[in-house]
Amino acid sequence: MLTLGAGTWHFALDRAGLFRLVDAAVKVKEGAAEFA
């Protein structure tokens, strides 16, 4: 998970060792019923 100050980006590491984009506009959902 990465931010450069303009949203949060989600990447996943592939088998070749490269991080590839999964989502360029990650949003934390509201209304969830989980606490840690």
PDB file of all heavy atoms in Angstrom:
ATOM      1  N   MET A   1       0.871  -1.170   0.000  1.00  0.00           N
ATOM      2  CA  MET A   1       0.000   0.000   0.000  1.00  0.00           C
ATOM      3  C   MET A   1       0.908   1.219   0.000  1.00  0.00           C
ATOM      4  O   MET A   1       1.845   1.299   0.805  1.00  0.00           O
ATOM      5  CB  MET A   1      -0.911   0.012   1.229  1.00  0.00           C
ATOM      6  CG  MET A   1      -2.045  -0.983   1.174  1.00  0.00           C
ATOM      7  SD  MET A   1      -3.286  -0.553  -0.061  1.00  0.00           S
ATOM      8  CE  MET A   1      -4.482  -1.857   0.227  1.00  0.00           C
ATOM      9  N   LEU A   2       0.618   2.174  -0.876  1.00  0.00           N
ATOM     10  CA  LEU A   2       1.492   3.326  -1.055  1.00  0.00           C
ATOM     11  C   LEU A   2       0.669   4.588  -1.240  1.00  0.00           C
ATOM     12  O   LEU A   2      -0.354   4.583  -1.933  1.00  0.00           O
ATOM     13  CB  LEU A   2       2.369   3.124  -2.296  1.00  0.00           C
ATOM     14  CG  LEU A   2       3.225   4.311  -2.746  1.00  0.00           C
ATOM     15  CD1 LEU A   2       4.339   4.594  -1.741  1.00  0.00           C
ATOM     16  CD2 LEU A   2       3.816   4.041  -4.136  1.00  0.00           C
ATOM     17  N   THR A   3       1.111   5.669  -0.602  1.00  0.00           N
ATOM     18  CA  THR A   3       0.542   6.973  -0.898  1.00  0.00           C
ATOM     19  C   THR A   3       1.663   7.971  -1.150  1.00  0.00           C
ATOM     20  O   THR A   3       2.702   7.943  -0.488  1.00  0.00           O
ATOM     21  CB  THR A   3      -0.375   7.501   0.224  1.00  0.00           C
ATOM     22  OG1 THR A   3      -0.928   8.760  -0.194  1.00  0.00           O
ATOM     23  CG2 THR A   3       0.366   7.699   1.534  1.00  0.00           C
ATOM     24  N   LEU A   4       1.414   8.829  -2.124  1.00  0.00           N
ATOM     25  CA  LEU A   4       2.307   9.942  -2.446  1.00  0.00           C
ATOM     26  C   LEU A   4       1.600  11.261  -2.165  1.00  0.00           C
ATOM     27  O   LEU A   4       2.030  12.315  -2.626  1.00  0.00           O
ATOM     28  CB  LEU A   4       2.727   9.864  -3.916  1.00  0.00           C
ATOM     29  CG  LEU A   4       3.406   8.561  -4.329  1.00  0.00           C
ATOM     30  CD1 LEU A   4       3.480   8.441  -5.846  1.00  0.00           C
ATOM     31  CD2 LEU A   4       4.788   8.449  -3.712  1.00  0.00           C
ATOM     32  N   GLY A   5       0.502  11.169  -1.399  1.00  0.00           N
ATOM     33  CA  GLY A   5      -0.257  12.365  -1.042  1.00  0.00           C
ATOM     34  C   GLY A   5      -1.412  12.661  -1.966  1.00  0.00           C
ATOM     35  O   GLY A   5      -2.044  13.720  -1.862  1.00  0.00           O
ATOM     36  N   ALA A   6      -1.719  11.732  -2.861  1.00  0.00           N
ATOM     37  CA  ALA A   6      -2.844  11.932  -3.789  1.00  0.00           C
ATOM     38  C   ALA A   6      -3.593  10.610  -3.954  1.00  0.00           C
ATOM     39  O   ALA A   6      -3.700  10.069  -5.051  1.00  0.00           O
ATOM     40  CB  ALA A   6      -2.350  12.445  -5.138  1.00  0.00           C
ATOM     41  N   GLY A   7      -4.093  10.080  -2.856  1.00  0.00           N
ATOM     42  CA  GLY A   7      -4.775   8.795  -2.871  1.00  0.00           C
ATOM     43  C   GLY A   7      -3.864   7.680  -2.410  1.00  0.00           C
ATOM     44  O   GLY A   7      -2.658   7.867  -2.213  1.00  0.00           O
ATOM     45  N   THR A   8      -4.459   6.501  -2.220  1.00  0.00           N
ATOM     46  CA  THR A   8      -3.711   5.322  -1.790  1.00  0.00           C
ATOM     47  C   THR A   8      -3.758   4.271  -2.884  1.00  0.00           C
ATOM     48  O   THR A   8      -4.830   3.956  -3.403  1.00  0.00           O
ATOM     49  CB  THR A   8      -4.301   4.765  -0.481  1.00  0.00           C
ATOM     50  OG1 THR A   8      -4.110   5.728   0.564  1.00  0.00           O
ATOM     51  CG2 THR A   8      -3.624   3.466  -0.074  1.00  0.00           C
ATOM     52  N   TRP A   9      -2.590   3.752  -3.229  1.00  0.00           N
ATOM     53  CA  TRP A   9      -2.449   2.756  -4.289  1.00  0.00           C
ATOM     54  C   TRP A   9      -2.156   1.392  -3.685  1.00  0.00           C
ATOM     55  O   TRP A   9      -1.412   1.268  -2.717  1.00  0.00           O
ATOM     56  CB  TRP A   9      -1.299   3.121  -5.232  1.00  0.00           C
ATOM     57  CG  TRP A   9      -1.453   4.413  -5.971  1.00  0.00           C
ATOM     58  CD1 TRP A   9      -2.574   5.174  -6.076  1.00  0.00           C
ATOM     59  CD2 TRP A   9      -0.425   5.103  -6.704  1.00  0.00           C
ATOM     60  NE1 TRP A   9      -2.319   6.303  -6.827  1.00  0.00           N
ATOM     61  CE2 TRP A   9      -1.006   6.285  -7.229  1.00  0.00           C
ATOM     62  CE3 TRP A   9       0.923   4.851  -6.969  1.00  0.00           C
ATOM     63  CZ2 TRP A   9      -0.286   7.200  -8.001  1.00  0.00           C
ATOM     64  CZ3 TRP A   9       1.639   5.746  -7.743  1.00  0.00           C
ATOM     65  CH2 TRP A   9       1.040   6.905  -8.251  1.00  0.00           C
ATOM     66  N   HIS A  10      -2.696   0.357  -4.328  1.00  0.00           N
ATOM     67  CA  HIS A  10      -2.508  -1.027  -3.892  1.00  0.00           C
ATOM     68  C   HIS A  10      -1.777  -1.785  -4.999  1.00  0.00           C
ATOM     69  O   HIS A  10      -2.213  -1.780  -6.154  1.00  0.00           O
ATOM     70  CB  HIS A  10      -3.876  -1.661  -3.619  1.00  0.00           C
ATOM     71  CG  HIS A  10      -3.844  -3.098  -3.224  1.00  0.00           C
ATOM     72  ND1 HIS A  10      -4.986  -3.893  -3.224  1.00  0.00           N
ATOM     73  CD2 HIS A  10      -2.834  -3.914  -2.816  1.00  0.00           C
ATOM     74  CE1 HIS A  10      -4.670  -5.113  -2.836  1.00  0.00           C
ATOM     75  NE2 HIS A  10      -3.374  -5.148  -2.585  1.00  0.00           N
ATOM     76  N   PHE A  11      -0.660  -2.424  -4.651  1.00  0.00           N
ATOM     77  CA  PHE A  11       0.115  -3.217  -5.588  1.00  0.00           C
ATOM     78  C   PHE A  11       0.279  -4.637  -5.060  1.00  0.00           C
ATOM     79  O   PHE A  11       0.203  -4.874  -3.853  1.00  0.00           O
ATOM     80  CB  PHE A  11       1.519  -2.616  -5.789  1.00  0.00           C
ATOM     81  CG  PHE A  11       1.539  -1.244  -6.407  1.00  0.00           C
ATOM     82  CD1 PHE A  11       1.401  -0.122  -5.603  1.00  0.00           C
ATOM     83  CD2 PHE A  11       1.689  -1.079  -7.774  1.00  0.00           C
ATOM     84  CE1 PHE A  11       1.416   1.151  -6.157  1.00  0.00           C
ATOM     85  CE2 PHE A  11       1.712   0.184  -8.341  1.00  0.00           C
ATOM     86  CZ  PHE A  11       1.569   1.311  -7.532  1.00  0.00           C
ATOM     87  N   ALA A  12       0.534  -5.568  -5.960  1.00  0.00           N
ATOM     88  CA  ALA A  12       0.864  -6.941  -5.583  1.00  0.00           C
ATOM     89  C   ALA A  12       2.154  -7.344  -6.285  1.00  0.00           C
ATOM     90  O   ALA A  12       2.422  -6.922  -7.411  1.00  0.00           O
ATOM     91  CB  ALA A  12      -0.268  -7.895  -5.957  1.00  0.00           C
ATOM     92  N   LEU A  13       2.959  -8.154  -5.605  1.00  0.00           N
ATOM     93  CA  LEU A  13       4.248  -8.597  -6.135  1.00  0.00           C
ATOM     94  C   LEU A  13       4.038  -9.823  -7.012  1.00  0.00           C
ATOM     95  O   LEU A  13       3.455 -10.820  -6.580  1.00  0.00           O
ATOM     96  CB  LEU A  13       5.193  -8.935  -4.983  1.00  0.00           C
ATOM     97  CG  LEU A  13       6.650  -9.243  -5.336  1.00  0.00           C
ATOM     98  CD1 LEU A  13       7.354  -8.002  -5.871  1.00  0.00           C
ATOM     99  CD2 LEU A  13       7.383  -9.786  -4.110  1.00  0.00           C
ATOM    100  N   ASP A  14       4.534  -9.751  -8.268  1.00  0.00           N
ATOM    101  CA  ASP A  14       4.398 -10.908  -9.152  1.00  0.00           C
ATOM    102  C   ASP A  14       5.593 -11.842  -8.996  1.00  0.00           C
ATOM    103  O   ASP A  14       6.530 -11.575  -8.252  1.00  0.00           O
ATOM    104  CB  ASP A  14       4.167 -10.480 -10.608  1.00  0.00           C
ATOM    105  CG  ASP A  14       5.403  -9.837 -11.256  1.00  0.00           C
ATOM    106  OD1 ASP A  14       6.513  -9.917 -10.684  1.00  0.00           O
ATOM    107  OD2 ASP A  14       5.251  -9.245 -12.346  1.00  0.00           O
ATOM    108  N   ARG A  15       5.555 -12.957  -9.709  1.00  0.00           N
ATOM    109  CA  ARG A  15       6.593 -13.974  -9.577  1.00  0.00           C
ATOM    110  C   ARG A  15       7.951 -13.486 -10.070  1.00  0.00           C
ATOM    111  O   ARG A  15       8.991 -14.025  -9.705  1.00  0.00           O
ATOM    112  CB  ARG A  15       6.192 -15.235 -10.354  1.00  0.00           C
ATOM    113  CG  ARG A  15       4.981 -15.953  -9.789  1.00  0.00           C
ATOM    114  CD  ARG A  15       5.295 -16.618  -8.462  1.00  0.00           C
ATOM    115  NE  ARG A  15       4.176 -17.427  -7.977  1.00  0.00           N
ATOM    116  CZ  ARG A  15       4.209 -18.169  -6.896  1.00  0.00           C
ATOM    117  NH1 ARG A  15       5.311 -18.197  -6.164  1.00  0.00           N
ATOM    118  NH2 ARG A  15       3.163 -18.844  -6.519  1.00  0.00           N
ATOM    119  N   ALA A  16       7.939 -12.475 -10.921  1.00  0.00           N
ATOM    120  CA  ALA A  16       9.194 -11.943 -11.457  1.00  0.00           C
ATOM    121  C   ALA A  16       9.819 -10.908 -10.529  1.00  0.00           C
ATOM    122  O   ALA A  16      10.890 -10.384 -10.824  1.00  0.00           O
ATOM    123  CB  ALA A  16       8.952 -11.336 -12.839  1.00  0.00           C
ATOM    124  N   GLY A  17       9.136 -10.588  -9.419  1.00  0.00           N
ATOM    125  CA  GLY A  17       9.678  -9.625  -8.470  1.00  0.00           C
ATOM    126  C   GLY A  17       9.284  -8.190  -8.749  1.00  0.00           C
ATOM    127  O   GLY A  17       9.921  -7.258  -8.253  1.00  0.00           O
ATOM    128  N   LEU A  18       8.212  -7.999  -9.528  1.00  0.00           N
ATOM    129  CA  LEU A  18       7.730  -6.658  -9.846  1.00  0.00           C
ATOM    130  C   LEU A  18       6.418  -6.391  -9.121  1.00  0.00           C
ATOM    131  O   LEU A  18       5.525  -7.260  -9.090  1.00  0.00           O
ATOM    132  CB  LEU A  18       7.500  -6.502 -11.355  1.00  0.00           C
ATOM    133  CG  LEU A  18       8.716  -6.693 -12.264  1.00  0.00           C
ATOM    134  CD1 LEU A  18       8.282  -6.641 -13.723  1.00  0.00           C
ATOM    135  CD2 LEU A  18       9.769  -5.631 -11.982  1.00  0.00           C
ATOM    136  N   PHE A  19       6.282  -5.203  -8.555  1.00  0.00           N
ATOM    137  CA  PHE A  19       5.015  -4.803  -7.962  1.00  0.00           C
ATOM    138  C   PHE A  19       4.108  -4.269  -9.072  1.00  0.00           C
ATOM    139  O   PHE A  19       4.500  -3.365  -9.817  1.00  0.00           O
ATOM    140  CB  PHE A  19       5.231  -3.734  -6.890  1.00  0.00           C
ATOM    141  CG  PHE A  19       5.732  -4.277  -5.592  1.00  0.00           C
ATOM    142  CD1 PHE A  19       7.085  -4.293  -5.290  1.00  0.00           C
ATOM    143  CD2 PHE A  19       4.841  -4.803  -4.655  1.00  0.00           C
ATOM    144  CE1 PHE A  19       7.554  -4.795  -4.087  1.00  0.00           C
ATOM    145  CE2 PHE A  19       5.291  -5.324  -3.448  1.00  0.00           C
ATOM    146  CZ  PHE A  19       6.652  -5.322  -3.164  1.00  0.00           C
ATOM    147  N   ARG A  20       2.901  -4.832  -9.164  1.00  0.00           N
ATOM    148  CA  ARG A  20       1.951  -4.441 -10.211  1.00  0.00           C
ATOM    149  C   ARG A  20       0.678  -3.888  -9.580  1.00  0.00           C
ATOM    150  O   ARG A  20       0.223  -4.356  -8.548  1.00  0.00           O
ATOM    151  CB  ARG A  20       1.626  -5.628 -11.121  1.00  0.00           C
ATOM    152  CG  ARG A  20       2.828  -6.088 -11.944  1.00  0.00           C
ATOM    153  CD  ARG A  20       2.465  -7.174 -12.934  1.00  0.00           C
ATOM    154  NE  ARG A  20       3.611  -7.567 -13.742  1.00  0.00           N
ATOM    155  CZ  ARG A  20       3.998  -6.942 -14.860  1.00  0.00           C
ATOM    156  NH1 ARG A  20       3.297  -5.897 -15.305  1.00  0.00           N
ATOM    157  NH2 ARG A  20       5.046  -7.357 -15.529  1.00  0.00           N
ATOM    158  N   LEU A  21       0.119  -2.887 -10.236  1.00  0.00           N
ATOM    159  CA  LEU A  21      -1.033  -2.158  -9.699  1.00  0.00           C
ATOM    160  C   LEU A  21      -2.272  -3.043  -9.611  1.00  0.00           C
ATOM    161  O   LEU A  21      -2.627  -3.736 -10.559  1.00  0.00           O
ATOM    162  CB  LEU A  21      -1.330  -0.939 -10.572  1.00  0.00           C
ATOM    163  CG  LEU A  21      -2.470  -0.040 -10.091  1.00  0.00           C
ATOM    164  CD1 LEU A  21      -2.104   0.656  -8.782  1.00  0.00           C
ATOM    165  CD2 LEU A  21      -2.810   0.998 -11.159  1.00  0.00           C
ATOM    166  N   VAL A  22      -2.922  -2.986  -8.455  1.00  0.00           N
ATOM    167  CA  VAL A  22      -4.200  -3.656  -8.242  1.00  0.00           C
ATOM    168  C   VAL A  22      -5.332  -2.630  -8.202  1.00  0.00           C
ATOM    169  O   VAL A  22      -6.388  -2.818  -8.797  1.00  0.00           O
ATOM    170  CB  VAL A  22      -4.179  -4.470  -6.930  1.00  0.00           C
ATOM    171  CG1 VAL A  22      -5.549  -5.078  -6.645  1.00  0.00           C
ATOM    172  CG2 VAL A  22      -3.110  -5.559  -6.995  1.00  0.00           C
ATOM    173  N   ASP A  23      -5.105  -1.511  -7.506  1.00  0.00           N
ATOM    174  CA  ASP A  23      -6.145  -0.498  -7.338  1.00  0.00           C
ATOM    175  C   ASP A  23      -5.473   0.848  -7.108  1.00  0.00           C
ATOM    176  O   ASP A  23      -4.651   0.982  -6.199  1.00  0.00           O
ATOM    177  CB  ASP A  23      -7.036  -0.867  -6.143  1.00  0.00           C
ATOM    178  CG  ASP A  23      -8.248   0.049  -5.979  1.00  0.00           C
ATOM    179  OD1 ASP A  23      -8.348   1.057  -6.710  1.00  0.00           O
ATOM    180  OD2 ASP A  23      -9.083  -0.245  -5.107  1.00  0.00           O
ATOM    181  N   ALA A  24      -5.822   1.843  -7.920  1.00  0.00           N
ATOM    182  CA  ALA A  24      -5.235   3.179  -7.788  1.00  0.00           C
ATOM    183  C   ALA A  24      -6.134   4.131  -7.013  1.00  0.00           C
ATOM    184  O   ALA A  24      -5.842   5.334  -6.933  1.00  0.00           O
ATOM    185  CB  ALA A  24      -4.940   3.769  -9.162  1.00  0.00           C
ATOM    186  N   ALA A  25      -7.217   3.627  -6.450  1.00  0.00           N
ATOM    187  CA  ALA A  25      -8.139   4.490  -5.699  1.00  0.00           C
ATOM    188  C   ALA A  25      -8.731   3.714  -4.528  1.00  0.00           C
ATOM    189  O   ALA A  25      -9.947   3.532  -4.423  1.00  0.00           O
ATOM    190  CB  ALA A  25      -9.241   5.020  -6.608  1.00  0.00           C
ATOM    191  N   VAL A  26      -7.877   3.260  -3.632  1.00  0.00           N
ATOM    192  CA  VAL A  26      -8.323   2.479  -2.475  1.00  0.00           C
ATOM    193  C   VAL A  26      -9.174   3.357  -1.555  1.00  0.00           C
ATOM    194  O   VAL A  26      -8.810   4.495  -1.262  1.00  0.00           O
ATOM    195  CB  VAL A  26      -7.116   1.921  -1.704  1.00  0.00           C
ATOM    196  CG1 VAL A  26      -7.564   1.180  -0.451  1.00  0.00           C
ATOM    197  CG2 VAL A  26      -6.275   1.020  -2.597  1.00  0.00           C
ATOM    198  N   LYS A  27     -10.289   2.832  -1.097  1.00  0.00           N
ATOM    199  CA  LYS A  27     -11.153   3.537  -0.157  1.00  0.00           C
ATOM    200  C   LYS A  27     -11.500   2.616   1.010  1.00  0.00           C
ATOM    201  O   LYS A  27     -11.842   1.449   0.805  1.00  0.00           O
ATOM    202  CB  LYS A  27     -12.463   3.993  -0.830  1.00  0.00           C
ATOM    203  CG  LYS A  27     -12.256   4.951  -2.003  1.00  0.00           C
ATOM    204  CD  LYS A  27     -11.650   6.277  -1.563  1.00  0.00           C
ATOM    205  CE  LYS A  27     -11.448   7.211  -2.747  1.00  0.00           C
ATOM    206  NZ  LYS A  27     -10.707   8.436  -2.369  1.00  0.00           N
ATOM    207  N   VAL A  28     -11.408   3.138   2.216  1.00  0.00           N
ATOM    208  CA  VAL A  28     -11.770   2.370   3.403  1.00  0.00           C
ATOM    209  C   VAL A  28     -13.284   2.444   3.585  1.00  0.00           C
ATOM    210  O   VAL A  28     -13.847   3.536   3.710  1.00  0.00           O
ATOM    211  CB  VAL A  28     -11.051   2.908   4.651  1.00  0.00           C
ATOM    212  CG1 VAL A  28     -11.483   2.120   5.891  1.00  0.00           C
ATOM    213  CG2 VAL A  28      -9.537   2.819   4.475  1.00  0.00           C
ATOM    214  N   LYS A  29     -13.921   1.288   3.596  1.00  0.00           N
ATOM    215  CA  LYS A  29     -15.380   1.233   3.696  1.00  0.00           C
ATOM    216  C   LYS A  29     -15.856   1.656   5.084  1.00  0.00           C
ATOM    217  O   LYS A  29     -15.185   1.412   6.092  1.00  0.00           O
ATOM    218  CB  LYS A  29     -15.882  -0.173   3.412  1.00  0.00           C
ATOM    219  CG  LYS A  29     -15.488  -0.739   2.059  1.00  0.00           C
ATOM    220  CD  LYS A  29     -15.997  -2.160   1.912  1.00  0.00           C
ATOM    221  CE  LYS A  29     -15.580  -2.776   0.581  1.00  0.00           C
ATOM    222  NZ  LYS A  29     -14.115  -3.024   0.533  1.00  0.00           N
ATOM    223  N   GLU A  30     -17.035   2.255   5.134  1.00  0.00           N
ATOM    224  CA  GLU A  30     -17.688   2.543   6.407  1.00  0.00           C
ATOM    225  C   GLU A  30     -18.781   1.507   6.652  1.00  0.00           C
ATOM    226  O   GLU A  30     -19.148   0.747   5.767  1.00  0.00           O
ATOM    227  CB  GLU A  30     -18.256   3.966   6.406  1.00  0.00           C
ATOM    228  CG  GLU A  30     -17.172   5.029   6.298  1.00  0.00           C
ATOM    229  CD  GLU A  30     -17.682   6.436   6.590  1.00  0.00           C
ATOM    230  OE1 GLU A  30     -18.849   6.577   6.987  1.00  0.00           O
ATOM    231  OE2 GLU A  30     -16.895   7.389   6.434  1.00  0.00           O
ATOM    232  N   GLY A  31     -19.264   1.478   7.875  1.00  0.00           N
ATOM    233  CA  GLY A  31     -20.350   0.565   8.204  1.00  0.00           C
ATOM    234  C   GLY A  31     -19.909  -0.861   8.494  1.00  0.00           C
ATOM    235  O   GLY A  31     -20.760  -1.756   8.625  1.00  0.00           O
ATOM    236  N   ALA A  32     -18.615  -1.104   8.597  1.00  0.00           N
ATOM    237  CA  ALA A  32     -18.132  -2.458   8.863  1.00  0.00           C
ATOM    238  C   ALA A  32     -18.369  -2.831  10.326  1.00  0.00           C
ATOM    239  O   ALA A  32     -18.391  -1.971  11.205  1.00  0.00           O
ATOM    240  CB  ALA A  32     -16.646  -2.565   8.534  1.00  0.00           C
ATOM    241  N   ALA A  33     -18.522  -4.119  10.587  1.00  0.00           N
ATOM    242  CA  ALA A  33     -18.792  -4.601  11.945  1.00  0.00           C
ATOM    243  C   ALA A  33     -17.639  -5.452  12.441  1.00  0.00           C
ATOM    244  O   ALA A  33     -17.827  -6.569  12.931  1.00  0.00           O
ATOM    245  CB  ALA A  33     -20.099  -5.386  11.972  1.00  0.00           C
ATOM    246  N   GLU A  34     -16.424  -4.937  12.308  1.00  0.00           N
ATOM    247  CA  GLU A  34     -15.238  -5.620  12.800  1.00  0.00           C
ATOM    248  C   GLU A  34     -14.365  -4.636  13.568  1.00  0.00           C
ATOM    249  O   GLU A  34     -14.211  -3.486  13.159  1.00  0.00           O
ATOM    250  CB  GLU A  34     -14.418  -6.220  11.652  1.00  0.00           C
ATOM    251  CG  GLU A  34     -15.063  -7.423  11.002  1.00  0.00           C
ATOM    252  CD  GLU A  34     -14.153  -8.068   9.966  1.00  0.00           C
ATOM    253  OE1 GLU A  34     -13.226  -7.408   9.463  1.00  0.00           O
ATOM    254  OE2 GLU A  34     -14.385  -9.249   9.662  1.00  0.00           O
ATOM    255  N   PHE A  35     -13.812  -5.097  14.683  1.00  0.00           N
ATOM    256  CA  PHE A  35     -12.852  -4.278  15.407  1.00  0.00           C
ATOM    257  C   PHE A  35     -11.677  -5.159  15.822  1.00  0.00           C
ATOM    258  O   PHE A  35     -11.824  -6.362  16.021  1.00  0.00           O
ATOM    259  CB  PHE A  35     -13.494  -3.607  16.628  1.00  0.00           C
ATOM    260  CG  PHE A  35     -13.911  -4.545  17.731  1.00  0.00           C
ATOM    261  CD1 PHE A  35     -13.090  -4.772  18.827  1.00  0.00           C
ATOM    262  CD2 PHE A  35     -15.141  -5.194  17.688  1.00  0.00           C
ATOM    263  CE1 PHE A  35     -13.473  -5.629  19.849  1.00  0.00           C
ATOM    264  CE2 PHE A  35     -15.543  -6.054  18.699  1.00  0.00           C
ATOM    265  CZ  PHE A  35     -14.700  -6.276  19.790  1.00  0.00           C
ATOM    266  N   ALA A  36     -10.511  -4.530  15.914  1.00  0.00           N
ATOM    267  CA  ALA A  36      -9.288  -5.253  16.271  1.00  0.00           C
ATOM    268  C   ALA A  36      -8.684  -4.621  17.511  1.00  0.00           C
ATOM    269  O   ALA A  36      -8.362  -3.429  17.520  1.00  0.00           O
ATOM    270  CB  ALA A  36      -8.283  -5.206  15.118  1.00  0.00           C
TER     271      ALA A  36
END
